[in-house]
C-alpha cells in the first residue's frame, strides 16, 4: 500500500512507508532501550537488534576493524614496505587521479614523511595516459626507484607492472580483479577473485590504512616501536570512503565517524585550506566530504594537473595548501561549466535513443574525459538505469559508467572487454571505465545492453521512494535531528532516514542558481519548515512547485541542520512531492 496515498508523485514514483514488521521492531526497541522513536526507526531499518543498539550507536574502531591479514598478500606487502623503510630505499607511489587515489597516496606520503623518508608521487594524466599504470611510466619509475606502490589501481595492469624492470611492485587496490593477477610482490585487494568478498566494501584508502595497521604490527614485533599515529590519518580515509561512494557499513562506519572528528580538529593544512575555500561554516559531515571537498580534490584529475589533489592532501605547508586549494576551486568551477554543456548534449541524445533500455548511453565528439563520469551519474539518475557516457577522440572513445543498485556494471564491462568488444574496461559494481574503438561503439553498447538486460536492468521502472515515517513541521527540531544522527554517519549503503510531510502549503518558492529551488512550507499550525531541492529543474518537479498556484502538496525528504550566521535551524532536503 502506498504511503500517504501517493501512487505517482511529481517524479513518477510510488511512495512506500515502513512495513508492519519494521514498525513493530522499532516500537519494541523503543520499549527495551528507551531510545527515541526516530532513532529506533533507523536502527530497525538497518536490521540492528535491540541488544546491539548501544554498540551500533557508538561504533568502536578496535572492535570493527578486521585483521588486515584476512586479505591475501597483506603480510608480504607490509613486509616489503617495511624493508624499504629500514633500508632507506627509493620509493615511488603511483596513484589514480581521483579522491580515493589521492587520499591513498597521501596516507603513504604523510606516513613516510613522519619517519623521515620522502617518496616520489606519480599520478597519470587522464587524457594523455588514461587510468592506471602504463608501460612508459612504470619503466621510467623503475629506473630510479627500488619499490613502486600502486594505489587505487594496478590489479589488471599485467603489462605495465612487467615493464617495471629492476623494481619491486606492490598493489593496494579495490577494483574488480581478473582471473589472473600481475606478477609482483603483492596484490592486496578485497575484490580479487580469490577473496571471499566479505571486505569488498573498503575503498583503496581503507586498504592502504589496513596495510599501515599491519605495518605497525610488524614494526612492533621487530622492536621498532609503533611508528606514526594512525588515528590522526583517519580524516584522509573518511574523505576517500565517502567521496568514492563506498558503503558506510561495518568498519567503514567507524572509520568515517572517527575521521570526521579528526577533520573537525583542523590539523591537516590541505583539508583546512580546502574547507575554507569551499566556505564550510560548520563541523564536517558526510555531505561536506561528498559534495564540497571531494569534487574539488577531483577537479585536478578531471581537467587540471592530475597530482594536485594528492599534493594538497599530503602537504604540511599551509601556504602551499592554500595555493593548491585556490587552484582546485577554480578548476572545479571550470569543471561545472564543461559538465553542464556535455550533460545537455548527452541527455538530448539519450532521450532520442530512449531512456527505457537496459543501458542508457551517449557518445560525443570531444566530450571531456574528466566529466563523462559525472554526466553518466546524471543520466543514471534521470533514467533509473545503468548509464555510460563516452567522449570520442580520433579512432577511440573513452567513457565512464554508473550503475543502479542490484546491477553489476563492472562485471558486464569486464565481460565485453574479454570478448574483444572493448579495448579495455574495468571497475566495480556501481562505477566503471572503458575504452572503445570508434567503429566498435554500436556493437559494444548493444552487447553491454544485452548483458545488463540479463541482470534485469531492462525491467526497472521508476524506483519506489522509501520513507521511514511521517512528520509534521513542528516536530522537526534540531534536537530530533541530533538524535537521529547518532545512528549515522549516513551515505552510500546507509541512507539517511527520509520522511513524508503531509498536506503542506507553499508560502514561498524561489529559483536558486540554474537548477535549484528554495521553499518555505507550512501546515498552518507551526512556524513551518524551510526546504531546498537541488536539481529541481532537471525534472518537472521544480517548475510545478514554482507554479503551485496555491495548491497543497505532500513532500518527502531528509532532515538536516542548517547553520547560518552562527544560528542553527532545521531544513528539509526535498527529494519529491505529490499533490495532496
Protein backbone atom coordinates (compact mmCIF):
# COMPACT_ATOMS: atom_id res chain seq x y z
CA UNK A 1 0.00 0.00 0.00
CA UNK A 2 1.35 3.41 -0.92
CA UNK A 3 2.39 5.89 1.75
CA UNK A 4 0.13 8.96 2.12
CA UNK A 5 -1.79 7.54 -0.84
CA UNK A 6 0.93 8.59 -3.30
CA UNK A 7 0.88 6.15 -6.22
CA UNK A 8 2.55 8.51 -8.70
CA UNK A 9 4.49 11.51 -7.44
CA UNK A 10 5.66 14.52 -9.43
CA UNK A 11 8.79 12.49 -10.32
CA UNK A 12 6.72 9.44 -11.27
CA UNK A 13 7.36 7.37 -8.16
CA UNK A 14 5.22 5.49 -5.68
CA UNK A 15 5.87 6.25 -2.02
CA UNK A 16 6.41 3.26 0.27
CA UNK A 17 6.37 3.51 4.06
CA UNK A 18 7.76 1.13 6.70
CA UNK A 19 6.05 -2.25 6.74
CA UNK A 20 4.23 -3.62 9.75
CA UNK A 21 7.13 -5.83 10.89
CA UNK A 22 9.59 -2.96 10.80
CA UNK A 23 7.21 -0.66 12.67
CA UNK A 24 6.77 -3.33 15.36
CA UNK A 25 10.52 -3.89 15.62
CA UNK A 26 11.10 -0.16 16.10
CA UNK A 27 8.37 0.03 18.73
CA UNK A 28 9.77 -2.97 20.62
CA UNK A 29 13.28 -1.49 20.50
CA UNK A 30 11.98 1.79 21.90
CA UNK A 31 10.40 -0.06 24.84
CA UNK A 32 13.53 -2.16 25.52
CA UNK A 33 16.16 0.54 25.15
CA UNK A 34 14.44 3.81 25.96
CA UNK A 35 15.93 5.31 22.80
CA UNK A 36 13.95 7.95 20.87
CA UNK A 37 11.42 6.56 18.40
CA UNK A 38 13.12 8.25 15.44
CA UNK A 39 16.43 6.56 16.27
CA UNK A 40 14.73 3.17 16.72
CA UNK A 41 13.12 3.50 13.28
CA UNK A 42 16.55 3.92 11.69
CA UNK A 43 18.06 1.01 13.65
CA UNK A 44 15.14 -1.27 12.78
CA UNK A 45 15.56 -0.45 9.08
CA UNK A 46 19.26 -1.31 9.35
CA UNK A 47 18.39 -4.65 10.94
CA UNK A 48 20.07 -3.85 14.26
CA UNK A 49 18.69 -5.97 17.14
CA UNK A 50 17.80 -4.20 20.37
CA UNK A 51 20.69 -5.76 22.34
CA UNK A 52 23.19 -4.36 19.82
CA UNK A 53 21.70 -0.86 19.64
CA UNK A 54 24.10 0.71 22.13
CA UNK A 55 27.17 -0.66 20.36
CA UNK A 56 25.84 0.39 16.97
CA UNK A 57 25.32 3.97 18.13
CA UNK A 58 28.90 4.12 19.45
CA UNK A 59 30.96 2.17 16.88
CA UNK A 60 34.46 1.39 18.11
CA UNK A 61 37.20 1.03 15.53
CA UNK A 62 39.14 -1.51 17.60
CA UNK A 63 36.09 -3.79 17.61
CA UNK A 64 35.03 -3.31 13.98
CA UNK A 65 38.36 -3.12 12.13
CA UNK A 66 39.16 -6.54 10.65
CA UNK A 67 42.53 -8.23 10.99
CA UNK A 68 44.46 -6.89 7.96
CA UNK A 69 45.87 -10.38 7.38
CA UNK A 70 42.44 -11.57 6.32
CA UNK A 71 43.39 -10.10 2.92
CA UNK A 72 45.69 -12.17 0.77
CA UNK A 73 49.23 -10.80 0.25
CA UNK A 74 48.83 -8.29 3.10
CA UNK A 75 51.74 -9.58 5.17
CA UNK A 76 54.01 -9.64 2.11
CA UNK A 77 53.02 -6.09 1.12
CA UNK A 78 53.68 -4.68 4.59
CA UNK A 79 56.95 -6.62 4.93
CA UNK A 80 58.28 -5.29 1.60
CA UNK A 81 57.26 -1.74 2.52
CA UNK A 82 58.95 -2.06 5.91
CA UNK A 83 62.10 -3.40 4.25
CA UNK A 84 62.15 -0.29 2.04
CA UNK A 85 61.82 1.91 5.13
CA UNK A 86 64.58 0.06 7.02
CA UNK A 87 66.98 0.21 4.09
CA UNK A 88 66.05 3.79 3.19
CA UNK A 89 65.21 2.68 -0.33
CA UNK A 90 63.83 4.88 -3.08
CA UNK A 91 60.02 4.58 -3.06
CA UNK A 92 57.53 5.73 -5.70
CA UNK A 93 53.75 5.94 -5.20
CA UNK A 94 51.70 5.52 -8.38
CA UNK A 95 48.15 6.75 -7.69
CA UNK A 96 44.86 7.09 -9.51
CA UNK A 97 43.75 10.67 -10.15
CA UNK A 98 40.52 10.65 -8.11
CA UNK A 99 39.86 11.34 -4.42
CA UNK A 100 40.42 7.74 -3.40
CA UNK A 101 43.74 7.60 -5.25
CA UNK A 102 44.84 10.99 -3.91
CA UNK A 103 43.89 10.11 -0.34
CA UNK A 104 45.60 6.71 -0.62
CA UNK A 105 48.79 8.33 -1.89
CA UNK A 106 48.65 10.98 0.82
CA UNK A 107 48.34 8.30 3.53
CA UNK A 108 51.64 6.77 2.40
CA UNK A 109 53.41 10.08 1.78
CA UNK A 110 52.42 11.52 5.17
CA UNK A 111 53.41 8.30 6.97
CA UNK A 112 56.78 8.19 5.21
CA UNK A 113 57.41 11.87 5.91
CA UNK A 114 56.86 11.26 9.60
CA UNK A 115 59.57 8.59 9.62
CA UNK A 116 61.94 10.88 7.74
CA UNK A 117 61.58 9.38 4.27
CA UNK A 118 60.49 11.07 1.09
CA UNK A 119 58.79 9.37 -1.86
CA UNK A 120 58.08 10.18 -5.49
CA UNK A 121 54.42 10.79 -6.33
CA UNK A 122 53.25 9.85 -9.83
CA UNK A 123 49.67 10.46 -10.97
CA UNK A 124 48.93 9.75 -14.64
CA UNK A 125 47.28 12.37 -16.83
CA UNK A 126 43.68 11.38 -17.50
CA UNK A 127 43.77 12.42 -21.17
CA UNK A 128 47.34 11.58 -22.20
CA UNK A 129 47.81 8.38 -20.17
CA UNK A 130 44.38 7.25 -19.01
CA UNK A 131 43.57 5.25 -15.90
CA UNK A 132 46.15 3.15 -14.11
CA UNK A 133 49.78 2.21 -14.71
CA UNK A 134 51.19 2.37 -18.23
CA UNK A 135 54.35 0.81 -19.67
CA UNK A 136 56.33 4.02 -20.18
CA UNK A 137 55.62 5.49 -16.73
CA UNK A 138 56.32 2.25 -14.86
CA UNK A 139 59.56 1.63 -16.79
CA UNK A 140 60.75 5.17 -16.04
CA UNK A 141 59.89 4.89 -12.33
CA UNK A 142 61.63 1.51 -12.12
CA UNK A 143 64.90 3.02 -13.37
CA UNK A 144 65.07 5.41 -10.40
CA UNK A 145 63.28 3.52 -7.61
CA UNK A 146 63.54 0.28 -5.68
CA UNK A 147 59.86 -0.05 -4.78
CA UNK A 148 56.73 1.15 -6.60
CA UNK A 149 53.44 1.10 -4.68
CA UNK A 150 50.35 1.32 -6.91
CA UNK A 151 47.31 2.64 -5.01
CA UNK A 152 43.70 2.54 -6.24
CA UNK A 153 44.91 0.92 -9.47
CA UNK A 154 47.14 -1.88 -10.76
CA UNK A 155 45.07 -5.05 -10.27
CA UNK A 156 44.62 -5.50 -14.04
CA UNK A 157 47.96 -3.93 -15.07
CA UNK A 158 49.89 -7.04 -16.10
CA UNK A 159 51.89 -5.40 -18.89
CA UNK A 160 52.84 -2.14 -17.15
CA UNK A 161 53.92 -3.98 -14.00
CA UNK A 162 56.04 -6.33 -16.10
CA UNK A 163 57.61 -3.20 -17.64
CA UNK A 164 58.84 -2.05 -14.20
CA UNK A 165 62.08 -4.00 -14.59
CA UNK A 166 64.51 -3.73 -11.68
CA UNK A 167 61.95 -2.50 -9.15
CA UNK A 168 59.58 -4.37 -6.87
CA UNK A 169 55.87 -3.55 -7.19
CA UNK A 170 53.14 -3.70 -4.54
CA UNK A 171 49.47 -3.12 -5.48
CA UNK A 172 46.95 -1.78 -2.93
CA UNK A 173 43.60 -1.61 -4.71
CA UNK A 174 39.89 -2.39 -4.52
CA UNK A 175 38.80 -2.63 -8.16
CA UNK A 176 37.40 -5.88 -9.50
CA UNK A 177 40.18 -8.39 -10.21
CA UNK A 178 40.59 -10.59 -13.26
CA UNK A 179 41.19 -14.32 -13.49
CA UNK A 180 44.95 -13.80 -13.17
CA UNK A 181 46.99 -11.31 -11.19
CA UNK A 182 50.04 -9.34 -12.32
CA UNK A 183 53.44 -10.78 -11.40
CA UNK A 184 54.62 -8.65 -8.47
CA UNK A 185 55.42 -8.82 -4.76
CA UNK A 186 51.82 -8.42 -3.61
CA UNK A 187 48.33 -7.57 -4.84
CA UNK A 188 46.25 -6.60 -1.81
CA UNK A 189 42.65 -6.23 -2.94
CA UNK A 190 39.46 -7.39 -1.19
CA UNK A 191 37.85 -7.71 -4.63
CA UNK A 192 40.37 -10.20 -6.03
CA UNK A 193 38.54 -13.19 -7.46
CA UNK A 194 40.14 -15.49 -4.89
CA UNK A 195 38.90 -13.39 -1.95
CA UNK A 196 35.58 -14.17 -0.25
CA UNK A 197 34.30 -10.60 -0.77
CA UNK A 198 33.50 -10.02 2.91
CA UNK A 199 35.80 -6.98 2.96
CA UNK A 200 34.85 -5.79 -0.51
CA UNK A 201 33.21 -2.68 0.93
CA UNK A 202 36.59 -0.97 1.56
CA UNK A 203 37.80 1.71 -0.83
CA UNK A 204 41.51 1.82 -1.71
CA UNK A 205 42.31 4.22 1.14
CA UNK A 206 40.75 1.72 3.55
CA UNK A 207 43.02 -0.98 2.12
CA UNK A 208 46.06 1.31 2.49
CA UNK A 209 45.09 2.07 6.08
CA UNK A 210 44.85 -1.65 6.85
CA UNK A 211 48.31 -2.11 5.33
CA UNK A 212 49.62 0.58 7.71
CA UNK A 213 47.96 -1.26 10.62
CA UNK A 214 49.76 -4.46 9.58
CA UNK A 215 52.97 -2.48 9.13
CA UNK A 216 52.62 -1.19 12.69
CA UNK A 217 52.26 -4.78 13.97
CA UNK A 218 55.38 -5.90 12.11
CA UNK A 219 57.35 -2.89 13.40
CA UNK A 220 56.29 -3.67 16.95
CA UNK A 221 57.28 -7.33 16.55
CA UNK A 222 60.77 -6.24 15.41
CA UNK A 223 61.20 -3.88 18.35
CA UNK A 224 60.98 -0.77 16.15
CA UNK A 225 58.20 0.94 18.11
CA UNK A 226 54.80 1.59 16.58
CA UNK A 227 55.54 4.39 14.13
CA UNK A 228 53.32 7.38 13.32
CA UNK A 229 49.87 7.90 14.89
CA UNK A 230 47.46 6.09 12.57
CA UNK A 231 44.33 7.56 14.15
CA UNK A 232 45.45 11.01 13.01
CA UNK A 233 45.29 9.76 9.39
CA UNK A 234 41.60 8.86 9.51
CA UNK A 235 40.48 12.19 8.05
CA UNK A 236 42.03 11.05 4.76
CA UNK A 237 40.36 7.62 4.99
CA UNK A 238 36.98 9.23 5.71
CA UNK A 239 37.26 11.62 2.76
CA UNK A 240 38.08 8.79 0.36
CA UNK A 241 35.42 6.44 1.72
CA UNK A 242 32.62 8.97 1.30
CA UNK A 243 33.82 10.52 -1.97
CA UNK A 244 34.32 7.08 -3.58
CA UNK A 245 30.76 6.17 -2.53
CA UNK A 246 31.92 3.15 -0.52
CA UNK A 247 29.08 1.77 1.62
CA UNK A 248 29.02 3.14 5.17
CA UNK A 249 28.70 -0.26 6.80
CA UNK A 250 30.74 -2.27 9.31
CA UNK A 251 34.28 -0.87 9.74
CA UNK A 252 33.62 1.96 7.26
CA UNK A 253 31.10 3.44 9.71
CA UNK A 254 33.71 3.67 12.42
CA UNK A 255 36.43 4.91 10.05
CA UNK A 256 34.25 7.74 8.76
CA UNK A 257 32.84 8.65 12.16
CA UNK A 258 36.30 8.89 13.72
CA UNK A 259 37.68 10.55 10.60
CA UNK A 260 35.11 13.34 10.82
CA UNK A 261 36.25 14.02 14.40
CA UNK A 262 39.87 14.18 13.26
CA UNK A 263 38.92 16.54 10.42
CA UNK A 264 37.00 18.81 12.79
CA UNK A 265 40.24 19.42 14.71
CA UNK A 266 41.61 21.15 11.55
CA UNK A 267 45.15 19.77 11.83
CA UNK A 268 45.76 18.90 8.16
CA UNK A 269 46.74 22.01 6.17
CA UNK A 270 45.33 20.71 2.88
CA UNK A 271 41.90 19.94 4.29
CA UNK A 272 41.82 23.19 6.27
CA UNK A 273 42.57 25.19 3.12
CA UNK A 274 40.04 23.20 1.11
CA UNK A 275 37.32 23.65 3.74
CA UNK A 276 37.95 27.39 3.83
CA UNK A 277 37.89 27.82 0.05
CA UNK A 278 34.69 25.72 -0.02
CA UNK A 279 33.15 28.13 2.51
CA UNK A 280 32.37 25.40 5.03
CA UNK A 281 30.98 27.09 8.13
CA UNK A 282 30.08 24.10 10.31
CA UNK A 283 31.59 20.86 11.57
CA UNK A 284 32.40 18.47 8.70
CA UNK A 285 29.77 15.93 7.72
CA UNK A 286 29.45 13.27 5.04
CA UNK A 287 27.65 15.87 2.92
CA UNK A 288 30.68 18.17 3.03
CA UNK A 289 33.02 15.30 2.11
CA UNK A 290 30.88 14.11 -0.78
CA UNK A 291 29.71 17.39 -2.27
CA UNK A 292 32.12 20.16 -1.25
CA UNK A 293 35.58 18.70 -0.61
CA UNK A 294 35.51 15.61 -2.84
CA UNK A 295 34.63 17.38 -6.11
CA UNK A 296 37.38 19.94 -5.57
CA UNK A 297 40.03 17.29 -4.89
CA UNK A 298 38.79 15.54 -8.04
CA UNK A 299 38.92 18.68 -10.17
CA UNK A 300 42.68 18.48 -10.73
CA UNK A 301 42.44 14.96 -12.11
CA UNK A 302 39.41 15.85 -14.23
CA UNK A 303 40.51 18.99 -16.07
CA UNK A 304 43.75 20.26 -14.50
CA UNK A 305 47.05 18.87 -13.28
CA UNK A 306 46.46 15.30 -12.17
CA UNK A 307 48.56 15.32 -8.99
CA UNK A 308 47.10 18.47 -7.42
CA UNK A 309 44.65 16.59 -5.17
CA UNK A 310 47.23 14.20 -3.75
CA UNK A 311 49.76 17.02 -3.26
CA UNK A 312 47.16 19.09 -1.41
CA UNK A 313 46.26 16.24 0.95
CA UNK A 314 49.90 15.33 1.62
CA UNK A 315 51.44 18.77 2.18
CA UNK A 316 52.38 20.06 5.63
CA UNK A 317 52.90 23.61 4.31
CA UNK A 318 49.87 25.88 4.85
CA UNK A 319 50.90 28.40 2.18
CA UNK A 320 51.29 25.64 -0.40
CA UNK A 321 47.95 24.16 0.71
CA UNK A 322 46.17 27.50 0.29
CA UNK A 323 47.61 27.98 -3.20
CA UNK A 324 46.65 24.48 -4.36
CA UNK A 325 43.17 24.73 -2.78
CA UNK A 326 42.52 28.02 -4.57
CA UNK A 327 43.56 26.48 -7.89
CA UNK A 328 41.36 23.42 -7.32
CA UNK A 329 38.41 25.69 -6.53
CA UNK A 330 38.93 27.49 -9.87
CA UNK A 331 39.21 24.18 -11.71
CA UNK A 332 36.03 22.94 -10.05
CA UNK A 333 34.12 25.96 -11.40
CA UNK A 334 35.53 25.27 -14.88
CA UNK A 335 34.57 21.62 -14.50
CA UNK A 336 30.96 22.59 -13.72
CA UNK A 337 30.71 24.68 -16.89
CA UNK A 338 32.11 21.85 -19.04
CA UNK A 339 29.85 19.33 -17.32
CA UNK A 340 26.71 21.40 -17.95
CA UNK A 341 27.41 21.59 -21.68
CA UNK A 342 28.14 17.86 -22.00
CA UNK A 343 25.17 16.94 -19.82
CA UNK A 344 22.69 18.84 -22.01
CA UNK A 345 24.01 17.19 -25.18
CA UNK A 346 24.18 13.72 -23.62
CA UNK A 347 20.67 13.88 -22.18
CA UNK A 348 19.23 15.01 -25.53
CA UNK A 349 20.97 12.12 -27.30
CA UNK A 350 19.98 9.56 -24.67
CA UNK A 351 16.34 10.68 -24.72
CA UNK A 352 16.26 10.35 -28.50
CA UNK A 353 17.65 6.82 -28.18
CA UNK A 354 15.20 6.01 -25.37
CA UNK A 355 15.55 6.07 -21.58
CA UNK A 356 13.80 2.72 -21.09
CA UNK A 357 16.56 0.48 -22.50
CA UNK A 358 18.65 -1.75 -20.17
CA UNK A 359 21.57 0.63 -20.80
CA UNK A 360 21.25 4.38 -21.32
CA UNK A 361 24.23 5.77 -23.21
CA UNK A 362 25.54 8.73 -25.16
CA UNK A 363 28.75 9.49 -27.03
CA UNK A 364 30.01 12.77 -28.40
CA UNK A 365 32.95 14.24 -30.27
CA UNK A 366 35.49 15.86 -27.95
CA UNK A 367 33.47 15.41 -24.77
CA UNK A 368 35.95 15.96 -21.97
CA UNK A 369 37.04 12.66 -20.35
CA UNK A 370 37.10 14.42 -16.99
CA UNK A 371 33.34 14.95 -16.85
CA UNK A 372 31.89 11.88 -18.55
CA UNK A 373 31.61 10.03 -15.23
CA UNK A 374 29.66 12.85 -13.61
CA UNK A 375 27.37 13.11 -16.62
CA UNK A 376 26.85 9.33 -16.55
CA UNK A 377 25.64 9.77 -12.96
CA UNK A 378 23.14 12.40 -14.13
CA UNK A 379 21.83 10.10 -16.88
CA UNK A 380 21.55 7.23 -14.41
CA UNK A 381 19.51 9.43 -12.07
CA UNK A 382 17.27 10.65 -14.90
CA UNK A 383 16.55 7.16 -16.25
CA UNK A 384 16.88 4.93 -13.20
CA UNK A 385 19.05 2.65 -15.37
CA UNK A 386 22.79 1.98 -15.77
CA UNK A 387 24.33 4.72 -17.91
CA UNK A 388 27.54 5.17 -19.92
CA UNK A 389 28.87 8.42 -21.41
CA UNK A 390 31.76 8.38 -23.89
CA UNK A 391 33.99 11.12 -25.26
CA UNK A 392 35.20 10.37 -28.80
CA UNK A 393 38.64 11.43 -29.99
CA UNK A 394 40.17 10.09 -33.18
CA UNK A 395 39.67 6.35 -33.57
CA UNK A 396 38.79 5.76 -29.91
CA UNK A 397 36.34 6.75 -27.24
CA UNK A 398 36.96 6.89 -23.50
CA UNK A 399 33.94 6.54 -21.30
CA UNK A 400 32.66 6.09 -17.80
CA UNK A 401 29.62 4.29 -16.46
CA UNK A 402 27.45 4.41 -13.36
CA UNK A 403 25.02 1.74 -12.23
CA UNK A 404 21.97 1.35 -10.03
CA UNK A 405 21.54 -0.89 -7.03
CA UNK A 406 21.40 -4.58 -7.92
CA UNK A 407 23.05 -4.27 -11.34
CA UNK A 408 26.78 -5.08 -11.60
CA UNK A 409 28.09 -2.79 -14.35
CA UNK A 410 31.77 -3.53 -13.73
CA UNK A 411 31.34 -7.25 -14.37
CA UNK A 412 29.49 -6.61 -17.64
CA UNK A 413 32.16 -4.21 -18.86
CA UNK A 414 34.89 -6.71 -17.99
CA UNK A 415 32.99 -9.39 -19.91
CA UNK A 416 32.69 -7.15 -23.00
CA UNK A 417 36.41 -6.36 -22.79
CA UNK A 418 37.27 -10.08 -22.54
CA UNK A 419 35.15 -10.71 -25.64
CA UNK A 420 37.15 -8.11 -27.57
CA UNK A 421 34.37 -5.55 -27.99
CA UNK A 422 36.20 -3.05 -25.77
CA UNK A 423 39.87 -2.13 -25.93
CA UNK A 424 39.89 -2.22 -22.14
CA UNK A 425 37.50 -1.80 -19.26
CA UNK A 426 37.05 -2.45 -15.57
CA UNK A 427 35.78 -1.10 -12.29
CA UNK A 428 33.30 -2.27 -9.70
CA UNK A 429 29.56 -2.85 -9.39
CA UNK A 430 28.46 0.77 -9.29
CA UNK A 431 31.12 2.51 -11.41
CA UNK A 432 33.41 1.51 -14.26
CA UNK A 433 35.52 2.91 -17.07
CA UNK A 434 36.13 1.76 -20.62
CA UNK A 435 37.98 2.47 -23.85
CA UNK A 436 36.29 1.51 -27.11
CA UNK A 437 37.25 1.70 -30.78
CA UNK A 438 35.03 4.16 -32.67
CA UNK A 439 33.99 1.50 -35.21
CA UNK A 440 33.01 -0.86 -32.36
CA UNK A 441 30.91 1.68 -30.45
CA UNK A 442 27.44 0.50 -31.53
CA UNK A 443 28.11 -3.26 -31.21
CA UNK A 444 29.86 -2.76 -27.86
CA UNK A 445 26.94 -0.81 -26.42
CA UNK A 446 24.48 -3.36 -27.82
CA UNK A 447 26.40 -6.19 -26.16
CA UNK A 448 26.58 -4.34 -22.84
CA UNK A 449 22.86 -3.65 -23.04
CA UNK A 450 22.22 -7.37 -23.56
CA UNK A 451 24.48 -8.34 -20.63
CA UNK A 452 22.75 -5.82 -18.35
CA UNK A 453 19.32 -7.00 -19.52
CA UNK A 454 20.21 -10.48 -18.25
CA UNK A 455 20.68 -8.90 -14.81
CA UNK A 456 17.21 -7.33 -15.02
CA UNK A 457 18.17 -3.78 -15.96
CA UNK A 458 15.54 -3.71 -18.71
CA UNK A 459 12.75 -4.42 -16.24
CA UNK A 460 13.47 -1.46 -14.00
CA UNK A 461 10.79 1.20 -13.70
CA UNK A 462 10.83 4.44 -11.74
CA UNK A 463 12.07 3.25 -8.37
CA UNK A 464 9.76 3.39 -5.39
CA UNK A 465 10.63 6.09 -2.89
CA UNK A 466 11.00 4.53 0.54
CA UNK A 467 10.04 6.64 3.55
CA UNK A 468 10.78 5.93 7.20
CA UNK A 469 7.72 7.67 8.59
CA UNK A 470 5.63 10.81 8.70
CA UNK A 471 6.42 14.08 10.46
CA UNK A 472 4.74 17.43 10.88
CA UNK A 473 6.87 20.57 10.56
CA UNK A 474 6.55 21.37 14.26
CA UNK A 475 8.10 18.01 15.22
CA UNK A 476 11.16 18.54 13.05
CA UNK A 477 13.53 20.11 15.58
CA UNK A 478 17.29 20.44 15.90
CA UNK A 479 17.37 18.07 18.94
CA UNK A 480 15.45 15.44 16.93
CA UNK A 481 17.96 15.60 14.07
CA UNK A 482 20.86 15.35 16.55
CA UNK A 483 19.28 12.19 17.98
CA UNK A 484 18.83 10.68 14.52
CA UNK A 485 22.45 11.46 13.60
CA UNK A 486 23.58 9.15 16.41
CA UNK A 487 22.67 6.30 14.05
CA UNK A 488 24.94 7.72 11.32
CA UNK A 489 27.06 8.54 9.53
CA UNK A 490 24.72 8.32 6.55
CA UNK A 491 25.65 7.86 2.93
CA UNK A 492 26.07 5.05 0.41
CA UNK A 493 24.71 1.77 1.76
CA UNK A 494 23.32 3.59 4.80
CA UNK A 495 20.84 6.21 3.59
CA UNK A 496 19.69 8.92 5.95
CA UNK A 497 16.05 8.49 7.02
CA UNK A 498 13.50 10.08 4.72
CA UNK A 499 10.20 11.45 6.00
CA UNK A 500 6.89 12.40 4.47
CA UNK A 501 5.35 15.77 5.38
CA UNK A 502 1.63 15.70 4.55
CA UNK A 503 -0.67 18.39 3.18
CA UNK A 504 1.55 21.47 3.29
CA UNK A 505 1.16 24.84 1.62
CA UNK A 506 3.99 26.62 -0.18
CA UNK A 507 4.45 30.02 1.41
CA UNK A 508 7.49 30.96 -0.63
CA UNK A 509 9.28 29.50 -3.64
CA UNK A 510 12.35 30.87 -5.40
CA UNK A 511 14.68 29.53 -8.04
CA UNK A 512 18.30 29.47 -6.83
CA UNK A 513 21.11 29.26 -9.35
CA UNK A 514 20.43 27.33 -12.55
CA UNK A 515 18.50 24.34 -11.27
CA UNK A 516 17.81 24.54 -7.52
CA UNK A 517 14.63 25.55 -5.68
CA UNK A 518 14.29 27.15 -2.25
CA UNK A 519 10.95 26.73 -0.46
CA UNK A 520 9.19 27.71 2.73
CA UNK A 521 6.41 25.29 3.71
CA UNK A 522 3.62 25.47 6.27
CA UNK A 523 0.87 23.30 7.73
CA UNK A 524 -0.87 26.37 9.12
CA UNK A 525 -0.19 25.32 12.71
CA UNK A 526 3.54 25.69 13.37
CA UNK A 527 6.24 28.03 12.20
CA UNK A 528 6.68 25.73 9.20
CA UNK A 529 9.86 24.35 7.67
CA UNK A 530 12.34 25.54 5.05
CA UNK A 531 13.35 23.24 2.21
CA UNK A 532 15.94 23.13 -0.54
CA UNK A 533 15.60 20.97 -3.63
CA UNK A 534 18.86 20.55 -5.54
CA UNK A 535 18.48 19.89 -9.26
CA UNK A 536 14.74 20.56 -9.03
CA UNK A 537 14.59 21.97 -12.56
CA UNK A 538 16.34 18.96 -14.06
CA UNK A 539 12.87 17.35 -13.92
CA UNK A 540 9.31 18.70 -13.99
CA UNK A 541 9.32 18.88 -10.18
CA UNK A 542 10.87 22.35 -9.95
CA UNK A 543 8.57 24.16 -12.35
CA UNK A 544 5.42 22.52 -10.92
CA UNK A 545 6.28 23.64 -7.39
CA UNK A 546 7.31 27.11 -8.58
CA UNK A 547 3.94 27.46 -10.38
CA UNK A 548 1.99 25.97 -7.47
CA UNK A 549 -0.99 28.32 -7.71
CA UNK A 550 -1.82 27.85 -4.03
CA UNK A 551 -2.18 24.06 -4.29
CA UNK A 552 -1.24 21.88 -1.33
CA UNK A 553 1.30 19.08 -1.57
CA UNK A 554 2.76 16.15 0.30
CA UNK A 555 6.56 16.48 0.48
CA UNK A 556 9.28 13.87 1.01
CA UNK A 557 12.86 14.48 2.04
CA UNK A 558 15.67 14.17 4.55
CA UNK A 559 16.23 16.47 7.52
CA UNK A 560 19.41 18.39 8.16
CA UNK A 561 20.68 21.16 10.40
CA UNK A 562 21.39 24.37 8.51
CA UNK A 563 23.96 26.67 10.12
CA UNK A 564 23.90 30.30 9.06
CA UNK A 565 25.48 33.21 10.90
CA UNK A 566 26.14 31.02 13.92
CA UNK A 567 22.46 30.03 14.24
CA UNK A 568 21.05 26.57 13.68
CA UNK A 569 17.74 25.78 12.02
CA UNK A 570 16.02 22.76 10.50
CA UNK A 571 16.00 22.33 6.75
CA UNK A 572 14.45 19.63 4.60
CA UNK A 573 16.48 18.41 1.64
CA UNK A 574 13.49 17.93 -0.63
CA UNK A 575 13.50 14.88 -2.92
CA UNK A 576 9.94 14.54 -4.14
CA UNK A 577 6.41 15.91 -3.90
CA UNK A 578 2.86 14.91 -4.78
CA UNK A 579 -0.35 16.87 -4.97
CA UNK A 580 -2.35 16.45 -1.78
